[in-house]
Amino acid sequence: MARERQTVGSNYAKPWKPEGAGETIEGVYSGYNTVKGDRGETFKSHKVKPEGSEEYIGVSGAMVDGMLLRVPVGAYVWITFKGMLKTKNGQAKDYEVQTEKGVKLIDVGIDAEDDTSPY
């Protein structure tokens, strides 16, 4: 019997670059990859897999990071770009993250010495 093949897609996500307030992506939250930035820094690229797609969409940034770390892998999410927000570290992309009603969110604490809050 001949073995059948299937193509394996990348686990890395194509970055989402919203252009205007109100743009939304939705799909199953699939965790994150730690990626290296252009300046050698590392950050989390959170992965969303839209229904019917084999590719992931990546969302990153301090504002969305604090919300998506509370979402369990496998939950369906809606992420809406709200625009730019002024923070103590300059401009940041602001998002709204929603999940299906009844999803139990993860309680993630922030170590006082490692406070990465932009506020």
C-alpha atoms as a PDB file:
ATOM      1  CA  MET A   1       0.000   0.000   0.000  1.00  0.00           C
ATOM      2  CA  ALA A   2       1.405   3.384  -1.030  1.00  0.00           C
ATOM      3  CA  ARG A   3       1.817   6.039   1.614  1.00  0.00           C
ATOM      4  CA  GLU A   4      -0.139   9.246   1.090  1.00  0.00           C
ATOM      5  CA  ARG A   5       1.435  12.657   1.612  1.00  0.00           C
ATOM      6  CA  GLN A   6       0.206  15.888   3.069  1.00  0.00           C
ATOM      7  CA  THR A   7       1.900  19.280   3.014  1.00  0.00           C
ATOM      8  CA  VAL A   8       2.957  20.769   6.335  1.00  0.00           C
ATOM      9  CA  GLY A   9       2.547  24.533   6.579  1.00  0.00           C
ATOM     10  CA  SER A  10       4.685  26.809   8.706  1.00  0.00           C
ATOM     11  CA  ASN A  11       3.951  27.316  12.386  1.00  0.00           C
ATOM     12  CA  TYR A  12       4.994  30.963  12.006  1.00  0.00           C
ATOM     13  CA  ALA A  13       2.377  33.583  11.332  1.00  0.00           C
ATOM     14  CA  LYS A  14       2.104  36.272   8.687  1.00  0.00           C
ATOM     15  CA  PRO A  15       2.074  39.571  10.644  1.00  0.00           C
ATOM     16  CA  TRP A  16      -1.215  41.457  10.766  1.00  0.00           C
ATOM     17  CA  LYS A  17      -0.672  45.122   9.952  1.00  0.00           C
ATOM     18  CA  PRO A  18      -4.015  46.886  10.398  1.00  0.00           C
ATOM     19  CA  GLU A  19      -4.268  50.195   8.591  1.00  0.00           C
ATOM     20  CA  GLY A  20      -7.332  51.701  10.213  1.00  0.00           C
ATOM     21  CA  ALA A  21      -9.414  51.602  13.371  1.00  0.00           C
ATOM     22  CA  GLY A  22     -12.177  49.024  13.260  1.00  0.00           C
ATOM     23  CA  GLU A  23     -10.288  46.368  11.284  1.00  0.00           C
ATOM     24  CA  THR A  24     -10.901  42.922  12.783  1.00  0.00           C
ATOM     25  CA  ILE A  25      -9.431  39.456  12.501  1.00  0.00           C
ATOM     26  CA  GLU A  26     -11.047  36.365  13.963  1.00  0.00           C
ATOM     27  CA  GLY A  27     -10.289  32.697  14.385  1.00  0.00           C
ATOM     28  CA  VAL A  28      -8.905  30.130  16.784  1.00  0.00           C
ATOM     29  CA  TYR A  29      -6.188  31.377  19.136  1.00  0.00           C
ATOM     30  CA  SER A  30      -3.199  29.081  18.690  1.00  0.00           C
ATOM     31  CA  GLY A  31      -0.653  30.391  21.206  1.00  0.00           C
ATOM     32  CA  TYR A  32       2.443  32.343  20.239  1.00  0.00           C
ATOM     33  CA  ASN A  33       5.949  32.117  18.844  1.00  0.00           C
ATOM     34  CA  THR A  34       8.841  34.076  20.315  1.00  0.00           C
ATOM     35  CA  VAL A  35      10.402  35.966  17.410  1.00  0.00           C
ATOM     36  CA  LYS A  36      13.492  38.099  17.019  1.00  0.00           C
ATOM     37  CA  GLY A  37      12.907  41.677  15.879  1.00  0.00           C
ATOM     38  CA  ASP A  38      14.944  43.854  13.527  1.00  0.00           C
ATOM     39  CA  ARG A  39      16.948  45.331  16.427  1.00  0.00           C
ATOM     40  CA  GLY A  40      17.751  41.974  18.054  1.00  0.00           C
ATOM     41  CA  GLU A  41      14.927  42.217  20.601  1.00  0.00           C
ATOM     42  CA  THR A  42      12.482  39.329  21.103  1.00  0.00           C
ATOM     43  CA  PHE A  43       8.692  39.552  21.277  1.00  0.00           C
ATOM     44  CA  LYS A  44       5.641  37.306  21.219  1.00  0.00           C
ATOM     45  CA  SER A  45       3.795  36.878  17.925  1.00  0.00           C
ATOM     46  CA  HIS A  46       0.334  35.613  18.913  1.00  0.00           C
ATOM     47  CA  LYS A  47      -1.199  33.293  16.322  1.00  0.00           C
ATOM     48  CA  VAL A  48      -4.809  33.341  15.121  1.00  0.00           C
ATOM     49  CA  LYS A  49      -5.983  30.743  12.602  1.00  0.00           C
ATOM     50  CA  PRO A  50      -9.055  31.915  10.657  1.00  0.00           C
ATOM     51  CA  GLU A  51     -11.697  29.286   9.915  1.00  0.00           C
ATOM     52  CA  GLY A  52     -10.999  27.465   6.675  1.00  0.00           C
ATOM     53  CA  SER A  53      -7.423  28.760   6.448  1.00  0.00           C
ATOM     54  CA  GLU A  54      -4.217  26.781   6.712  1.00  0.00           C
ATOM     55  CA  GLU A  55      -2.176  29.895   7.545  1.00  0.00           C
ATOM     56  CA  TYR A  56      -1.840  31.773  10.815  1.00  0.00           C
ATOM     57  CA  ILE A  57      -2.116  35.526  11.292  1.00  0.00           C
ATOM     58  CA  GLY A  58       0.305  37.040  13.817  1.00  0.00           C
ATOM     59  CA  VAL A  59      -0.548  39.845  16.216  1.00  0.00           C
ATOM     60  CA  SER A  60       2.023  41.457  18.473  1.00  0.00           C
ATOM     61  CA  GLY A  61       2.500  44.411  20.778  1.00  0.00           C
ATOM     62  CA  ALA A  62       2.428  45.122  24.499  1.00  0.00           C
ATOM     63  CA  MET A  63      -1.259  46.076  24.542  1.00  0.00           C
ATOM     64  CA  VAL A  64      -2.551  42.934  22.830  1.00  0.00           C
ATOM     65  CA  ASP A  65       0.038  40.739  24.581  1.00  0.00           C
ATOM     66  CA  GLY A  66      -1.468  41.482  27.983  1.00  0.00           C
ATOM     67  CA  MET A  67      -4.894  40.376  26.770  1.00  0.00           C
ATOM     68  CA  LEU A  68      -4.029  37.339  24.635  1.00  0.00           C
ATOM     69  CA  LEU A  69      -1.881  35.780  27.365  1.00  0.00           C
ATOM     70  CA  ARG A  70      -5.158  35.353  29.268  1.00  0.00           C
ATOM     71  CA  VAL A  71      -6.858  33.461  26.417  1.00  0.00           C
ATOM     72  CA  PRO A  72      -6.530  29.660  26.425  1.00  0.00           C
ATOM     73  CA  VAL A  73      -5.202  27.993  23.288  1.00  0.00           C
ATOM     74  CA  GLY A  74      -8.121  26.712  21.212  1.00  0.00           C
ATOM     75  CA  ALA A  75     -10.527  29.544  22.104  1.00  0.00           C
ATOM     76  CA  TYR A  76     -12.214  31.453  19.274  1.00  0.00           C
ATOM     77  CA  VAL A  77     -11.225  35.144  19.329  1.00  0.00           C
ATOM     78  CA  TRP A  78     -12.112  38.428  17.658  1.00  0.00           C
ATOM     79  CA  ILE A  79      -9.354  41.054  17.670  1.00  0.00           C
ATOM     80  CA  THR A  80     -10.239  44.608  16.658  1.00  0.00           C
ATOM     81  CA  PHE A  81      -7.680  47.354  16.047  1.00  0.00           C
ATOM     82  CA  LYS A  82      -8.869  50.466  17.903  1.00  0.00           C
ATOM     83  CA  GLY A  83      -6.153  52.848  16.698  1.00  0.00           C
ATOM     84  CA  MET A  84      -3.043  54.349  18.226  1.00  0.00           C
ATOM     85  CA  LEU A  85      -2.751  55.179  21.923  1.00  0.00           C
ATOM     86  CA  LYS A  86      -0.224  57.443  23.646  1.00  0.00           C
ATOM     87  CA  THR A  87       1.711  55.615  26.412  1.00  0.00           C
ATOM     88  CA  LYS A  88       4.676  56.468  28.641  1.00  0.00           C
ATOM     89  CA  ASN A  89       6.895  54.757  26.035  1.00  0.00           C
ATOM     90  CA  GLY A  90       5.420  56.528  23.000  1.00  0.00           C
ATOM     91  CA  GLN A  91       2.680  55.433  20.588  1.00  0.00           C
ATOM     92  CA  ALA A  92       1.250  51.901  20.794  1.00  0.00           C
ATOM     93  CA  LYS A  93      -1.373  50.016  18.823  1.00  0.00           C
ATOM     94  CA  ASP A  94      -4.554  49.585  20.862  1.00  0.00           C
ATOM     95  CA  TYR A  95      -6.759  46.518  20.452  1.00  0.00           C
ATOM     96  CA  GLU A  96      -9.957  45.009  21.780  1.00  0.00           C
ATOM     97  CA  VAL A  97      -9.881  41.235  22.278  1.00  0.00           C
ATOM     98  CA  GLN A  98     -13.084  39.234  22.649  1.00  0.00           C
ATOM     99  CA  THR A  99     -13.722  35.503  23.107  1.00  0.00           C
ATOM    100  CA  GLU A 100     -16.849  33.407  23.034  1.00  0.00           C
ATOM    101  CA  LYS A 101     -18.992  33.791  26.130  1.00  0.00           C
ATOM    102  CA  GLY A 102     -18.132  31.167  28.726  1.00  0.00           C
ATOM    103  CA  VAL A 103     -14.422  30.826  27.877  1.00  0.00           C
ATOM    104  CA  LYS A 104     -12.493  30.589  31.151  1.00  0.00           C
ATOM    105  CA  LEU A 105      -9.696  33.160  31.001  1.00  0.00           C
ATOM    106  CA  ILE A 106      -6.247  32.447  32.442  1.00  0.00           C
ATOM    107  CA  ASP A 107      -5.192  34.488  35.477  1.00  0.00           C
ATOM    108  CA  VAL A 108      -1.746  35.832  34.564  1.00  0.00           C
ATOM    109  CA  GLY A 109       0.076  37.884  37.200  1.00  0.00           C
ATOM    110  CA  ILE A 110       2.826  40.408  36.500  1.00  0.00           C
ATOM    111  CA  ASP A 111       5.967  40.320  38.619  1.00  0.00           C
ATOM    112  CA  ALA A 112       6.478  43.778  40.142  1.00  0.00           C
ATOM    113  CA  GLU A 113      10.141  43.769  39.024  1.00  0.00           C
ATOM    114  CA  ASP A 114       9.179  42.818  35.475  1.00  0.00           C
ATOM    115  CA  ASP A 115       6.347  45.295  34.928  1.00  0.00           C
ATOM    116  CA  THR A 116       6.021  45.637  31.162  1.00  0.00           C
ATOM    117  CA  SER A 117       2.789  47.606  31.352  1.00  0.00           C
ATOM    118  CA  PRO A 118       2.838  50.544  28.945  1.00  0.00           C
ATOM    119  CA  TYR A 119       0.873  52.702  31.433  1.00  0.00           C
END
